[in-house]
C-alpha atoms as a PDB file:
ATOM      1  CA  MET A   1     113.710  82.554  94.444  1.00  0.00           C
ATOM      2  CA  SER A   2     112.280  85.637  95.445  1.00  0.00           C
ATOM      3  CA  PRO A   3     111.330  87.470  98.815  1.00  0.00           C
ATOM      4  CA  ALA A   4     107.619  87.730  99.975  1.00  0.00           C
ATOM      5  CA  LEU A   5     105.725  89.102 102.867  1.00  0.00           C
ATOM      6  CA  LYS A   6     103.130  86.856 104.392  1.00  0.00           C
ATOM      7  CA  GLU A   7      99.718  88.336 105.305  1.00  0.00           C
ATOM      8  CA  TRP A   8      96.112  87.545 105.774  1.00  0.00           C
ATOM      9  CA  ASP A   9      94.489  87.293 102.336  1.00  0.00           C
ATOM     10  CA  VAL A  10      91.771  89.868 103.541  1.00  0.00           C
ATOM     11  CA  ALA A  11      94.625  92.315 104.141  1.00  0.00           C
ATOM     12  CA  ILE A  12      96.421  91.555 100.979  1.00  0.00           C
ATOM     13  CA  ASN A  13      93.212  92.304  98.890  1.00  0.00           C
ATOM     14  CA  ALA A  14      92.729  95.722 100.741  1.00  0.00           C
ATOM     15  CA  LEU A  15      96.316  96.604  99.908  1.00  0.00           C
ATOM     16  CA  ALA A  16      95.724  95.444  96.302  1.00  0.00           C
ATOM     17  CA  GLU A  17      92.716  97.473  96.078  1.00  0.00           C
ATOM     18  CA  GLY A  18      94.164 100.643  97.385  1.00  0.00           C
ATOM     19  CA  GLU A  19      91.943 100.500 100.692  1.00  0.00           C
ATOM     20  CA  THR A  20      94.678 100.618 102.879  1.00  0.00           C
ATOM     21  CA  ILE A  21      98.631 101.138 102.779  1.00  0.00           C
ATOM     22  CA  MET A  22      99.211 100.107 106.203  1.00  0.00           C
ATOM     23  CA  LEU A  23     100.146  96.752 108.041  1.00  0.00           C
ATOM     24  CA  LEU A  24     100.604  96.326 111.738  1.00  0.00           C
ATOM     25  CA  ARG A  25     103.177  94.033 112.984  1.00  0.00           C
ATOM     26  CA  LYS A  26     105.160  92.673 115.862  1.00  0.00           C
ATOM     27  CA  GLY A  27     106.466  89.720 114.132  1.00  0.00           C
ATOM     28  CA  GLY A  28     105.367  85.991 114.076  1.00  0.00           C
ATOM     29  CA  ILE A  29     106.159  83.221 116.428  1.00  0.00           C
ATOM     30  CA  ARG A  30     108.972  81.891 114.264  1.00  0.00           C
ATOM     31  CA  GLU A  31     110.756  85.344 113.602  1.00  0.00           C
ATOM     32  CA  VAL A  32     114.634  85.218 113.921  1.00  0.00           C
ATOM     33  CA  ASN A  33     115.405  86.290 117.482  1.00  0.00           C
ATOM     34  CA  GLY A  34     111.823  86.509 118.249  1.00  0.00           C
ATOM     35  CA  THR A  35     111.898  90.076 117.030  1.00  0.00           C
ATOM     36  CA  PHE A  36     110.466  91.922 113.985  1.00  0.00           C
ATOM     37  CA  GLU A  37     112.817  92.962 111.373  1.00  0.00           C
ATOM     38  CA  VAL A  38     112.398  94.285 107.823  1.00  0.00           C
ATOM     39  CA  PRO A  39     115.021  92.611 105.621  1.00  0.00           C
ATOM     40  CA  HIS A  40     113.759  93.279 102.248  1.00  0.00           C
ATOM     41  CA  ARG A  41     112.023  96.646 100.711  1.00  0.00           C
ATOM     42  CA  ASP A  42     110.610  95.123  97.660  1.00  0.00           C
ATOM     43  CA  VAL A  43     108.516  91.873  97.980  1.00  0.00           C
ATOM     44  CA  TRP A  44     105.681  89.863  96.585  1.00  0.00           C
ATOM     45  CA  LEU A  45     102.547  89.707  98.832  1.00  0.00           C
ATOM     46  CA  TYR A  46     101.764  86.250  99.747  1.00  0.00           C
ATOM     47  CA  PRO A  47      98.299  85.402 101.022  1.00  0.00           C
ATOM     48  CA  THR A  48      97.535  83.131 103.755  1.00  0.00           C
ATOM     49  CA  TYR A  49      94.101  81.910 105.008  1.00  0.00           C
ATOM     50  CA  GLU A  50      94.801  80.184 108.344  1.00  0.00           C
ATOM     51  CA  HIS A  51      94.150  82.232 111.537  1.00  0.00           C
ATOM     52  CA  GLN A  52      92.151  84.857 109.855  1.00  0.00           C
ATOM     53  CA  LYS A  53      89.745  86.044 112.565  1.00  0.00           C
ATOM     54  CA  PRO A  54      86.564  87.981 111.431  1.00  0.00           C
ATOM     55  CA  ASN A  55      86.160  89.331 114.961  1.00  0.00           C
ATOM     56  CA  LEU A  56      89.297  91.121 114.674  1.00  0.00           C
ATOM     57  CA  LEU A  57      88.302  92.881 111.632  1.00  0.00           C
ATOM     58  CA  LYS A  58      86.184  95.804 110.594  1.00  0.00           C
ATOM     59  CA  PRO A  59      82.762  94.629 109.605  1.00  0.00           C
ATOM     60  CA  GLU A  60      83.142  95.319 106.016  1.00  0.00           C
ATOM     61  CA  TYR A  61      86.305  92.992 105.980  1.00  0.00           C
ATOM     62  CA  ALA A  62      85.006  90.547 108.473  1.00  0.00           C
ATOM     63  CA  LYS A  63      82.266  89.543 106.053  1.00  0.00           C
ATOM     64  CA  GLN A  64      84.831  88.385 103.404  1.00  0.00           C
ATOM     65  CA  ILE A  65      86.286  85.829 105.468  1.00  0.00           C
ATOM     66  CA  GLN A  66      85.541  82.218 104.585  1.00  0.00           C
ATOM     67  CA  PRO A  67      86.836  80.036 107.706  1.00  0.00           C
ATOM     68  CA  VAL A  68      89.195  77.235 107.055  1.00  0.00           C
ATOM     69  CA  ASP A  69      90.290  74.415 109.105  1.00  0.00           C
ATOM     70  CA  SER A  70      93.461  74.577 111.349  1.00  0.00           C
ATOM     71  CA  GLY A  71      96.525  73.442 108.906  1.00  0.00           C
ATOM     72  CA  TRP A  72      94.401  74.202 105.737  1.00  0.00           C
ATOM     73  CA  HIS A  73      96.144  75.536 102.634  1.00  0.00           C
ATOM     74  CA  PRO A  74      95.466  75.740  99.070  1.00  0.00           C
ATOM     75  CA  GLU A  75      96.950  73.277  96.554  1.00  0.00           C
ATOM     76  CA  SER A  76      98.245  76.490  94.689  1.00  0.00           C
ATOM     77  CA  VAL A  77      98.730  80.069  95.775  1.00  0.00           C
ATOM     78  CA  MET A  78      98.033  83.081  93.689  1.00  0.00           C
ATOM     79  CA  ILE A  79     100.082  86.130  93.799  1.00  0.00           C
ATOM     80  CA  ARG A  80      98.474  89.058  92.478  1.00  0.00           C
ATOM     81  CA  ALA A  81     100.613  92.022  93.826  1.00  0.00           C
ATOM     82  CA  ARG A  82     103.912  93.226  94.946  1.00  0.00           C
ATOM     83  CA  ALA A  83     104.775  95.930  96.954  1.00  0.00           C
ATOM     84  CA  THR A  84     107.566  98.536  97.995  1.00  0.00           C
ATOM     85  CA  ILE A  85     107.692  98.914 101.851  1.00  0.00           C
ATOM     86  CA  THR A  86     108.471 102.858 101.821  1.00  0.00           C
ATOM     87  CA  HIS A  87     108.395 103.463 105.594  1.00  0.00           C
ATOM     88  CA  VAL A  88     108.826 101.393 108.946  1.00  0.00           C
ATOM     89  CA  ILE A  89     107.393 103.335 111.773  1.00  0.00           C
ATOM     90  CA  GLU A  90     108.218 102.305 115.379  1.00  0.00           C
ATOM     91  CA  VAL A  91     105.090 103.076 117.855  1.00  0.00           C
ATOM     92  CA  THR A  92     105.349 103.017 121.512  1.00  0.00           C
ATOM     93  CA  GLU A  93     102.371 105.145 122.432  1.00  0.00           C
ATOM     94  CA  PRO A  94      98.885 103.680 122.840  1.00  0.00           C
ATOM     95  CA  GLU A  95      97.242 106.916 121.849  1.00  0.00           C
ATOM     96  CA  VAL A  96      99.088 106.821 118.714  1.00  0.00           C
ATOM     97  CA  VAL A  97      97.878 103.208 117.922  1.00  0.00           C
ATOM     98  CA  ASP A  98      94.222 104.590 118.505  1.00  0.00           C
ATOM     99  CA  ALA A  99      94.593 107.411 116.270  1.00  0.00           C
ATOM    100  CA  LEU A 100      95.564 105.003 113.328  1.00  0.00           C
ATOM    101  CA  VAL A 101      92.529 103.117 113.350  1.00  0.00           C
ATOM    102  CA  PRO A 102      91.262 104.726 110.475  1.00  0.00           C
ATOM    103  CA  PHE A 103      93.978 103.896 108.201  1.00  0.00           C
ATOM    104  CA  HIS A 104      93.908 100.201 108.318  1.00  0.00           C
ATOM    105  CA  ILE A 105      91.452  97.162 108.172  1.00  0.00           C
ATOM    106  CA  TRP A 106      91.465  95.921 111.787  1.00  0.00           C
ATOM    107  CA  THR A 107      89.204  96.816 114.782  1.00  0.00           C
ATOM    108  CA  SER A 108      90.607  99.141 117.525  1.00  0.00           C
ATOM    109  CA  ASP A 109      90.652  96.291 119.948  1.00  0.00           C
ATOM    110  CA  PHE A 110      92.826  94.401 117.743  1.00  0.00           C
ATOM    111  CA  ALA A 111      95.082  97.076 117.283  1.00  0.00           C
ATOM    112  CA  THR A 112      95.356  97.677 121.135  1.00  0.00           C
ATOM    113  CA  GLU A 113      95.926  93.839 121.536  1.00  0.00           C
ATOM    114  CA  ARG A 114      98.795  93.743 119.192  1.00  0.00           C
ATOM    115  CA  PHE A 115     100.287  96.815 120.855  1.00  0.00           C
ATOM    116  CA  ARG A 116      99.977  95.134 124.545  1.00  0.00           C
ATOM    117  CA  TRP A 117     101.147  91.720 123.272  1.00  0.00           C
ATOM    118  CA  LYS A 118     105.068  91.336 124.044  1.00  0.00           C
ATOM    119  CA  PRO A 119     104.823  95.023 125.757  1.00  0.00           C
ATOM    120  CA  ARG A 120     108.558  95.473 125.778  1.00  0.00           C
ATOM    121  CA  SER A 121     108.537  95.261 122.018  1.00  0.00           C
ATOM    122  CA  PRO A 122     107.304  98.258 119.926  1.00  0.00           C
ATOM    123  CA  LEU A 123     104.434  98.014 117.499  1.00  0.00           C
ATOM    124  CA  TYR A 124     105.687  98.513 113.686  1.00  0.00           C
ATOM    125  CA  ILE A 125     103.719 100.023 111.334  1.00  0.00           C
ATOM    126  CA  LEU A 126     104.529  99.141 107.717  1.00  0.00           C
ATOM    127  CA  LEU A 127     103.468 101.516 104.852  1.00  0.00           C
ATOM    128  CA  LEU A 128     103.356 100.075 101.419  1.00  0.00           C
ATOM    129  CA  ARG A 129     103.197 101.261  97.907  1.00  0.00           C
ATOM    130  CA  VAL A 130     101.309  98.376  96.136  1.00  0.00           C
ATOM    131  CA  TYR A 131     101.302  97.432  92.486  1.00  0.00           C
ATOM    132  CA  ARG A 132      98.953  95.132  90.788  1.00  0.00           C
ATOM    133  CA  LEU A 133     100.504  92.504  88.377  1.00  0.00           C
ATOM    134  CA  PRO A 134      99.006  92.515  84.856  1.00  0.00           C
ATOM    135  CA  ASN A 135      99.005  88.623  85.303  1.00  0.00           C
ATOM    136  CA  ILE A 136      98.411  86.688  88.395  1.00  0.00           C
ATOM    137  CA  ILE A 137     101.351  84.373  89.242  1.00  0.00           C
ATOM    138  CA  THR A 138     100.257  80.817  90.333  1.00  0.00           C
ATOM    139  CA  ILE A 139     102.617  78.699  92.229  1.00  0.00           C
ATOM    140  CA  PRO A 140     102.363  75.333  94.069  1.00  0.00           C
ATOM    141  CA  PHE A 141     102.090  75.320  97.716  1.00  0.00           C
ATOM    142  CA  ASP A 142     105.080  74.216  99.570  1.00  0.00           C
ATOM    143  CA  ASP A 143     105.679  73.175 103.012  1.00  0.00           C
ATOM    144  CA  ALA A 144     108.429  75.944 103.471  1.00  0.00           C
ATOM    145  CA  TYR A 145     105.592  78.493 103.375  1.00  0.00           C
ATOM    146  CA  ARG A 146     103.966  76.890 106.549  1.00  0.00           C
ATOM    147  CA  GLY A 147     104.250  78.666 109.799  1.00  0.00           C
ATOM    148  CA  CYS A 148     103.717  81.743 111.575  1.00  0.00           C
ATOM    149  CA  LYS A 149     106.487  83.913 110.116  1.00  0.00           C
ATOM    150  CA  SER A 150     106.583  87.280 108.141  1.00  0.00           C
ATOM    151  CA  TRP A 151     109.167  86.573 105.641  1.00  0.00           C
ATOM    152  CA  MET A 152     109.647  83.889 102.922  1.00  0.00           C
ATOM    153  CA  THR A 153     111.258  83.071  99.781  1.00  0.00           C
ATOM    154  CA  LEU A 154     108.999  82.015  97.121  1.00  0.00           C
ATOM    155  CA  MET A 155     109.990  79.444  94.299  1.00  0.00           C
ATOM    156  CA  LEU A 156     108.369  80.997  91.291  1.00  0.00           C
ATOM    157  CA  PRO A 157     107.820  79.509  87.804  1.00  0.00           C
ATOM    158  CA  GLN A 158     110.727  79.746  85.448  1.00  0.00           C
ATOM    159  CA  ASP A 159     108.540  82.246  83.100  1.00  0.00           C
ATOM    160  CA  ALA A 160     107.588  84.433  86.047  1.00  0.00           C
ATOM    161  CA  GLN A 161     109.114  88.029  85.829  1.00  0.00           C
ATOM    162  CA  PRO A 162     111.633  88.923  88.419  1.00  0.00           C
ATOM    163  CA  LEU A 163     110.624  91.005  91.168  1.00  0.00           C
ATOM    164  CA  ASP A 164     113.042  93.815  90.562  1.00  0.00           C
ATOM    165  CA  THR A 165     112.201  94.193  86.815  1.00  0.00           C
ATOM    166  CA  ALA A 166     108.446  93.718  87.139  1.00  0.00           C
ATOM    167  CA  LEU A 167     107.896  97.465  86.080  1.00  0.00           C
ATOM    168  CA  ASN A 168     104.806  96.921  84.110  1.00  0.00           C
ATOM    169  CA  ALA A 169     102.594  96.209  87.435  1.00  0.00           C
ATOM    170  CA  GLU A 170     100.289  99.016  88.085  1.00  0.00           C
ATOM    171  CA  PRO A 171     100.340 101.078  91.121  1.00  0.00           C
ATOM    172  CA  VAL A 172      97.097 100.819  92.939  1.00  0.00           C
ATOM    173  CA  LEU A 173      97.282 104.644  94.085  1.00  0.00           C
ATOM    174  CA  THR A 174      98.842 107.509  92.014  1.00  0.00           C
ATOM    175  CA  ASP A 175     101.821 109.206  93.600  1.00  0.00           C
ATOM    176  CA  ALA A 176      99.618 112.017  94.771  1.00  0.00           C
ATOM    177  CA  GLU A 177      97.082 109.693  96.496  1.00  0.00           C
ATOM    178  CA  TYR A 178      99.826 107.704  98.184  1.00  0.00           C
ATOM    179  CA  GLN A 179     101.466 110.745  99.537  1.00  0.00           C
ATOM    180  CA  THR A 180      98.410 112.059 100.714  1.00  0.00           C
ATOM    181  CA  GLN A 181      97.917 109.110 102.988  1.00  0.00           C
ATOM    182  CA  VAL A 182     101.565 109.218 104.022  1.00  0.00           C
ATOM    183  CA  ASN A 183     101.185 112.788 104.873  1.00  0.00           C
ATOM    184  CA  ALA A 184      98.058 112.277 107.081  1.00  0.00           C
ATOM    185  CA  ILE A 185      99.729 109.328 108.858  1.00  0.00           C
ATOM    186  CA  GLN A 186     102.769 111.729 109.375  1.00  0.00           C
ATOM    187  CA  GLN A 187     100.452 114.175 111.189  1.00  0.00           C
ATOM    188  CA  ILE A 188      99.591 111.381 113.724  1.00  0.00           C
ATOM    189  CA  ILE A 189     102.954 110.181 114.086  1.00  0.00           C
ATOM    190  CA  HIS A 190     105.934 112.568 114.694  1.00  0.00           C
ATOM    191  CA  SER A 191     108.183 112.737 111.729  1.00  0.00           C
ATOM    192  CA  ASP A 192     111.318 111.914 113.637  1.00  0.00           C
ATOM    193  CA  VAL A 193     110.414 108.381 114.145  1.00  0.00           C
ATOM    194  CA  MET A 194     109.203 107.765 110.357  1.00  0.00           C
ATOM    195  CA  VAL A 195     111.965 106.255 108.864  1.00  0.00           C
ATOM    196  CA  GLU A 196     112.530 104.831 105.253  1.00  0.00           C
ATOM    197  CA  ALA A 197     112.796 101.207 105.051  1.00  0.00           C
ATOM    198  CA  PRO A 198     116.165 100.051 104.531  1.00  0.00           C
ATOM    199  CA  ASP A 199     116.834  98.567 101.076  1.00  0.00           C
ATOM    200  CA  MET A 200     118.561  95.309 101.851  1.00  0.00           C
ATOM    201  CA  SER A 201     117.376  93.500  98.776  1.00  0.00           C
ATOM    202  CA  ARG A 202     119.761  94.887  96.337  1.00  0.00           C
END
């Protein structure tokens, strides 16, 4: 058993290729208490294909989407990366959301839409230090993975390397490259609202 963060396949590919370090979250419909929380810092990245919408993505990412029928899922899921969530940022100002557009894969309209949905709840920005696995982990799909939720517990093969010891995974960005992006984001978001993600996985 191991914690995983569920996200669109196109977003996970962008993270795994070092094209972004950012995810936007308000939480899925099935979140505990209806709010978004970060119960784990170190996570596997679990790709989902349902509900990927090309019109909400920048053109270079929209063309990567292959639409699937509602309820479709692969018979097996390939886990190609893990991540450490280094920062959780609470955003409450629309102008900040607009300024962050260059740092993620979604359109400005989508970012604004996510900000306005459930207006009493803040938008959360997750910054992820991503590591590619030397060997893809293939797991069978399980009904427990269904649904609009952010966090899941994966049932890994017995020979899979545990998340907290997968030290041979390679960072997709160097320390300097990652910190440069974090610094750029800090220039947009006041540092007093940037907090390190709580390490509740250990």
